[in-house]
Amino acid sequence: MRKAAIEAGHKACQNLPKERYAMKTDGTVFTFQHRNDFDAPLRSVLRDGARRLLTQAVEAEADAFLSAMQDERLADGRARVVRHGHGPEGTIQTRIAQFR
């Protein structure tokens, strides 16, 4: 690179030090709380919020499906698709935690 700069008519600055650093000394290292202790309240809030959002999304999808299928009937006249209530809670594993 220097050779190319000289050939192009430019000379590198000769009075600069070879190495320059922004910091002359090492900084101070601080120790923080253990990550799990700090994240526990936040993780609980996120878990509860995710559970509510997932419940709302599933309920909305089920309602939309039932609305779309309300005119479908069996041969004897009964509704083809009905909502029988809610089954037992299952578990869902996410990256944050396991939900019931």
N, C-alpha and C. Protein backbone atom coordinates (compact mmCIF):
# COMPACT_ATOMS: atom_id res chain seq x y z
N MET A 1 0.83 -1.19 0.00
CA MET A 1 0.00 0.00 0.00
C MET A 1 0.87 1.25 0.00
N ARG A 2 1.95 1.24 0.79
CA ARG A 2 2.82 2.41 0.86
C ARG A 2 3.49 2.65 -0.49
N LYS A 3 3.89 1.58 -1.14
CA LYS A 3 4.53 1.72 -2.45
C LYS A 3 3.56 2.34 -3.45
N ALA A 4 2.31 1.90 -3.41
CA ALA A 4 1.31 2.45 -4.32
C ALA A 4 1.06 3.92 -4.01
N ALA A 5 1.07 4.30 -2.75
CA ALA A 5 0.85 5.70 -2.37
C ALA A 5 1.99 6.58 -2.84
N ILE A 6 3.22 6.08 -2.75
CA ILE A 6 4.38 6.86 -3.20
C ILE A 6 4.35 7.00 -4.71
N GLU A 7 3.99 5.93 -5.41
CA GLU A 7 3.93 5.98 -6.87
C GLU A 7 2.86 6.96 -7.33
N ALA A 8 1.78 7.09 -6.55
CA ALA A 8 0.71 7.99 -6.94
C ALA A 8 1.04 9.45 -6.61
N GLY A 9 2.20 9.70 -6.01
CA GLY A 9 2.59 11.05 -5.70
C GLY A 9 2.29 11.47 -4.28
N HIS A 10 1.82 10.58 -3.43
CA HIS A 10 1.51 10.89 -2.04
C HIS A 10 2.53 10.19 -1.15
N LYS A 11 2.97 10.88 -0.11
CA LYS A 11 3.88 10.27 0.85
C LYS A 11 3.15 10.05 2.16
N ALA A 12 3.44 8.93 2.80
CA ALA A 12 2.86 8.67 4.11
C ALA A 12 3.46 9.62 5.13
N CYS A 13 2.69 10.02 6.12
CA CYS A 13 3.16 10.92 7.17
C CYS A 13 4.20 10.19 8.00
N GLN A 14 5.38 10.76 8.13
CA GLN A 14 6.49 10.09 8.80
C GLN A 14 6.53 10.34 10.30
N ASN A 15 5.83 11.34 10.83
CA ASN A 15 5.96 11.69 12.24
C ASN A 15 4.87 11.10 13.13
N LEU A 16 4.06 10.17 12.63
CA LEU A 16 3.05 9.52 13.46
C LEU A 16 3.66 8.35 14.21
N PRO A 17 3.24 8.12 15.47
CA PRO A 17 3.75 6.93 16.18
C PRO A 17 3.25 5.67 15.49
N LYS A 18 3.99 4.59 15.68
CA LYS A 18 3.64 3.33 15.01
C LYS A 18 2.32 2.76 15.50
N GLU A 19 2.06 2.83 16.80
CA GLU A 19 0.81 2.28 17.35
C GLU A 19 0.15 3.34 18.21
N ARG A 20 -1.16 3.49 18.04
CA ARG A 20 -1.91 4.45 18.83
C ARG A 20 -3.14 3.75 19.38
N TYR A 21 -3.42 3.98 20.65
CA TYR A 21 -4.56 3.36 21.32
C TYR A 21 -5.44 4.45 21.92
N ALA A 22 -6.73 4.21 21.91
CA ALA A 22 -7.66 5.18 22.49
C ALA A 22 -7.54 5.23 24.00
N MET A 23 -7.24 4.09 24.63
CA MET A 23 -7.13 4.03 26.09
C MET A 23 -5.69 3.71 26.47
N LYS A 24 -5.14 4.49 27.37
CA LYS A 24 -3.76 4.26 27.80
C LYS A 24 -3.67 3.16 28.86
N THR A 25 -4.74 2.98 29.67
CA THR A 25 -4.73 1.95 30.71
C THR A 25 -5.98 1.10 30.59
N ASP A 26 -5.94 -0.06 31.23
CA ASP A 26 -7.12 -0.93 31.23
C ASP A 26 -8.22 -0.31 32.08
N GLY A 27 -9.46 -0.54 31.70
CA GLY A 27 -10.59 -0.03 32.46
C GLY A 27 -10.87 -0.88 33.69
N THR A 28 -11.74 -0.39 34.53
CA THR A 28 -12.15 -1.11 35.73
C THR A 28 -13.22 -2.12 35.37
N VAL A 29 -13.14 -3.31 35.94
CA VAL A 29 -14.12 -4.36 35.69
C VAL A 29 -15.09 -4.40 36.86
N PHE A 30 -16.37 -4.30 36.56
CA PHE A 30 -17.41 -4.35 37.58
C PHE A 30 -18.08 -5.72 37.52
N THR A 31 -18.42 -6.26 38.68
CA THR A 31 -19.17 -7.52 38.71
C THR A 31 -20.64 -7.19 38.90
N PHE A 32 -21.49 -7.85 38.13
CA PHE A 32 -22.92 -7.64 38.20
C PHE A 32 -23.58 -8.80 38.91
N GLN A 33 -24.87 -8.62 39.22
CA GLN A 33 -25.63 -9.70 39.85
C GLN A 33 -25.64 -10.91 38.93
N HIS A 34 -25.87 -12.05 39.54
CA HIS A 34 -26.02 -13.27 38.74
C HIS A 34 -27.20 -13.10 37.81
N ARG A 35 -27.05 -13.48 36.59
CA ARG A 35 -28.07 -13.22 35.57
C ARG A 35 -29.43 -13.81 35.93
N ASN A 36 -29.48 -15.00 36.47
CA ASN A 36 -30.76 -15.63 36.79
C ASN A 36 -31.50 -14.86 37.88
N ASP A 37 -30.77 -14.30 38.85
CA ASP A 37 -31.41 -13.52 39.90
C ASP A 37 -32.01 -12.24 39.33
N PHE A 38 -31.32 -11.62 38.41
CA PHE A 38 -31.77 -10.37 37.82
C PHE A 38 -32.95 -10.60 36.88
N ASP A 39 -32.93 -11.68 36.11
CA ASP A 39 -33.96 -11.94 35.10
C ASP A 39 -35.23 -12.57 35.67
N ALA A 40 -35.21 -13.05 36.90
CA ALA A 40 -36.36 -13.79 37.43
C ALA A 40 -37.66 -12.99 37.38
N PRO A 41 -37.73 -11.75 37.86
CA PRO A 41 -39.00 -11.01 37.79
C PRO A 41 -39.41 -10.72 36.34
N LEU A 42 -38.46 -10.36 35.52
CA LEU A 42 -38.76 -10.09 34.11
C LEU A 42 -39.24 -11.35 33.41
N ARG A 43 -38.59 -12.45 33.68
CA ARG A 43 -38.99 -13.72 33.06
C ARG A 43 -40.41 -14.10 33.47
N SER A 44 -40.77 -13.85 34.71
CA SER A 44 -42.13 -14.15 35.18
C SER A 44 -43.16 -13.29 34.45
N VAL A 45 -42.87 -12.01 34.29
CA VAL A 45 -43.78 -11.11 33.57
C VAL A 45 -43.91 -11.54 32.12
N LEU A 46 -42.79 -11.87 31.49
CA LEU A 46 -42.82 -12.31 30.09
C LEU A 46 -43.59 -13.62 29.94
N ARG A 47 -43.40 -14.53 30.88
CA ARG A 47 -44.10 -15.82 30.82
C ARG A 47 -45.61 -15.63 30.93
N ASP A 48 -46.03 -14.80 31.88
CA ASP A 48 -47.47 -14.55 32.05
C ASP A 48 -48.07 -13.84 30.84
N GLY A 49 -47.34 -12.86 30.31
CA GLY A 49 -47.82 -12.16 29.13
C GLY A 49 -47.90 -13.06 27.91
N ALA A 50 -46.90 -13.92 27.74
CA ALA A 50 -46.92 -14.86 26.61
C ALA A 50 -48.07 -15.84 26.75
N ARG A 51 -48.33 -16.28 27.97
CA ARG A 51 -49.45 -17.21 28.20
C ARG A 51 -50.78 -16.55 27.83
N ARG A 52 -50.96 -15.30 28.24
CA ARG A 52 -52.20 -14.59 27.90
C ARG A 52 -52.35 -14.38 26.40
N LEU A 53 -51.26 -13.97 25.75
CA LEU A 53 -51.32 -13.75 24.30
C LEU A 53 -51.60 -15.03 23.54
N LEU A 54 -50.97 -16.12 23.96
CA LEU A 54 -51.20 -17.40 23.30
C LEU A 54 -52.63 -17.86 23.50
N THR A 55 -53.16 -17.68 24.70
CA THR A 55 -54.55 -18.05 24.97
C THR A 55 -55.50 -17.24 24.10
N GLN A 56 -55.27 -15.94 24.01
CA GLN A 56 -56.12 -15.09 23.17
C GLN A 56 -56.05 -15.49 21.70
N ALA A 57 -54.85 -15.81 21.22
CA ALA A 57 -54.69 -16.19 19.82
C ALA A 57 -55.40 -17.49 19.51
N VAL A 58 -55.28 -18.47 20.39
CA VAL A 58 -55.94 -19.76 20.17
C VAL A 58 -57.46 -19.60 20.24
N GLU A 59 -57.94 -18.82 21.21
CA GLU A 59 -59.38 -18.58 21.31
C GLU A 59 -59.91 -17.88 20.06
N ALA A 60 -59.19 -16.89 19.57
CA ALA A 60 -59.63 -16.17 18.37
C ALA A 60 -59.65 -17.09 17.15
N GLU A 61 -58.64 -17.95 17.04
CA GLU A 61 -58.60 -18.88 15.91
C GLU A 61 -59.74 -19.90 16.01
N ALA A 62 -60.00 -20.40 17.20
CA ALA A 62 -61.10 -21.36 17.38
C ALA A 62 -62.44 -20.70 17.07
N ASP A 63 -62.64 -19.48 17.54
CA ASP A 63 -63.90 -18.77 17.24
C ASP A 63 -64.07 -18.53 15.75
N ALA A 64 -62.98 -18.16 15.07
CA ALA A 64 -63.06 -17.94 13.62
C ALA A 64 -63.40 -19.23 12.89
N PHE A 65 -62.79 -20.33 13.31
CA PHE A 65 -63.07 -21.63 12.68
C PHE A 65 -64.52 -22.04 12.90
N LEU A 66 -65.00 -21.89 14.13
CA LEU A 66 -66.38 -22.26 14.43
C LEU A 66 -67.37 -21.38 13.66
N SER A 67 -67.05 -20.10 13.51
CA SER A 67 -67.92 -19.20 12.74
C SER A 67 -67.97 -19.62 11.28
N ALA A 68 -66.83 -20.01 10.73
CA ALA A 68 -66.79 -20.43 9.33
C ALA A 68 -67.53 -21.74 9.11
N MET A 69 -67.58 -22.60 10.12
CA MET A 69 -68.18 -23.92 9.98
C MET A 69 -69.61 -24.00 10.54
N GLN A 70 -70.19 -22.89 10.97
CA GLN A 70 -71.50 -22.95 11.63
C GLN A 70 -72.62 -23.42 10.71
N ASP A 71 -72.49 -23.25 9.41
CA ASP A 71 -73.54 -23.68 8.49
C ASP A 71 -73.40 -25.14 8.06
N GLU A 72 -72.28 -25.77 8.38
CA GLU A 72 -72.07 -27.17 8.02
C GLU A 72 -72.91 -28.07 8.92
N ARG A 73 -73.64 -29.01 8.33
CA ARG A 73 -74.52 -29.91 9.09
C ARG A 73 -74.27 -31.36 8.70
N LEU A 74 -74.53 -32.24 9.66
CA LEU A 74 -74.48 -33.68 9.41
C LEU A 74 -75.77 -34.11 8.71
N ALA A 75 -75.83 -35.36 8.28
CA ALA A 75 -77.01 -35.87 7.58
C ALA A 75 -78.26 -35.78 8.44
N ASP A 76 -78.11 -35.92 9.76
CA ASP A 76 -79.29 -35.86 10.63
C ASP A 76 -79.62 -34.44 11.10
N GLY A 77 -78.92 -33.43 10.58
CA GLY A 77 -79.25 -32.04 10.89
C GLY A 77 -78.45 -31.42 12.02
N ARG A 78 -77.66 -32.22 12.73
CA ARG A 78 -76.85 -31.65 13.81
C ARG A 78 -75.67 -30.88 13.23
N ALA A 79 -75.16 -29.97 14.02
CA ALA A 79 -73.99 -29.19 13.58
C ALA A 79 -72.79 -30.12 13.42
N ARG A 80 -72.05 -29.93 12.33
CA ARG A 80 -70.88 -30.76 12.06
C ARG A 80 -69.74 -30.45 13.04
N VAL A 81 -69.55 -29.20 13.36
CA VAL A 81 -68.46 -28.79 14.25
C VAL A 81 -69.08 -28.04 15.43
N VAL A 82 -68.79 -28.52 16.64
CA VAL A 82 -69.28 -27.87 17.85
C VAL A 82 -68.13 -27.72 18.83
N ARG A 83 -68.34 -26.82 19.77
CA ARG A 83 -67.33 -26.62 20.81
C ARG A 83 -67.83 -27.30 22.07
N HIS A 84 -67.09 -28.30 22.50
CA HIS A 84 -67.50 -29.08 23.67
C HIS A 84 -66.91 -28.55 24.97
N GLY A 85 -66.20 -27.47 24.92
CA GLY A 85 -65.58 -26.96 26.14
C GLY A 85 -64.07 -27.03 26.02
N HIS A 86 -63.44 -26.90 27.13
CA HIS A 86 -61.98 -26.88 27.16
C HIS A 86 -61.46 -28.16 27.78
N GLY A 87 -60.49 -28.75 27.13
CA GLY A 87 -59.86 -29.96 27.65
C GLY A 87 -58.83 -29.63 28.71
N PRO A 88 -58.15 -30.64 29.20
CA PRO A 88 -57.12 -30.40 30.21
C PRO A 88 -55.96 -29.59 29.62
N GLU A 89 -55.29 -28.85 30.48
CA GLU A 89 -54.16 -28.04 30.03
C GLU A 89 -53.03 -28.93 29.58
N GLY A 90 -52.40 -28.56 28.49
CA GLY A 90 -51.20 -29.24 28.02
C GLY A 90 -49.99 -28.39 28.34
N THR A 91 -48.83 -28.81 27.91
CA THR A 91 -47.62 -28.04 28.13
C THR A 91 -47.01 -27.65 26.79
N ILE A 92 -46.43 -26.46 26.76
CA ILE A 92 -45.74 -25.96 25.58
C ILE A 92 -44.35 -25.55 26.01
N GLN A 93 -43.32 -26.04 25.31
CA GLN A 93 -41.94 -25.70 25.64
C GLN A 93 -41.48 -24.58 24.71
N THR A 94 -41.03 -23.46 25.30
CA THR A 94 -40.46 -22.37 24.53
C THR A 94 -39.02 -22.19 24.95
N ARG A 95 -38.34 -21.21 24.34
CA ARG A 95 -36.95 -20.95 24.71
C ARG A 95 -36.84 -20.37 26.11
N ILE A 96 -37.90 -19.70 26.57
CA ILE A 96 -37.87 -19.09 27.89
C ILE A 96 -38.17 -20.12 28.97
N ALA A 97 -39.25 -20.84 28.82
CA ALA A 97 -39.66 -21.79 29.85
C ALA A 97 -40.74 -22.72 29.30
N GLN A 98 -41.19 -23.60 30.15
CA GLN A 98 -42.28 -24.50 29.80
C GLN A 98 -43.57 -23.94 30.38
N PHE A 99 -44.63 -23.91 29.56
CA PHE A 99 -45.91 -23.36 29.96
C PHE A 99 -46.95 -24.47 30.07
N ARG A 100 -47.90 -24.28 30.98
CA ARG A 100 -49.03 -25.21 31.07
C ARG A 100 -50.22 -24.62 30.37
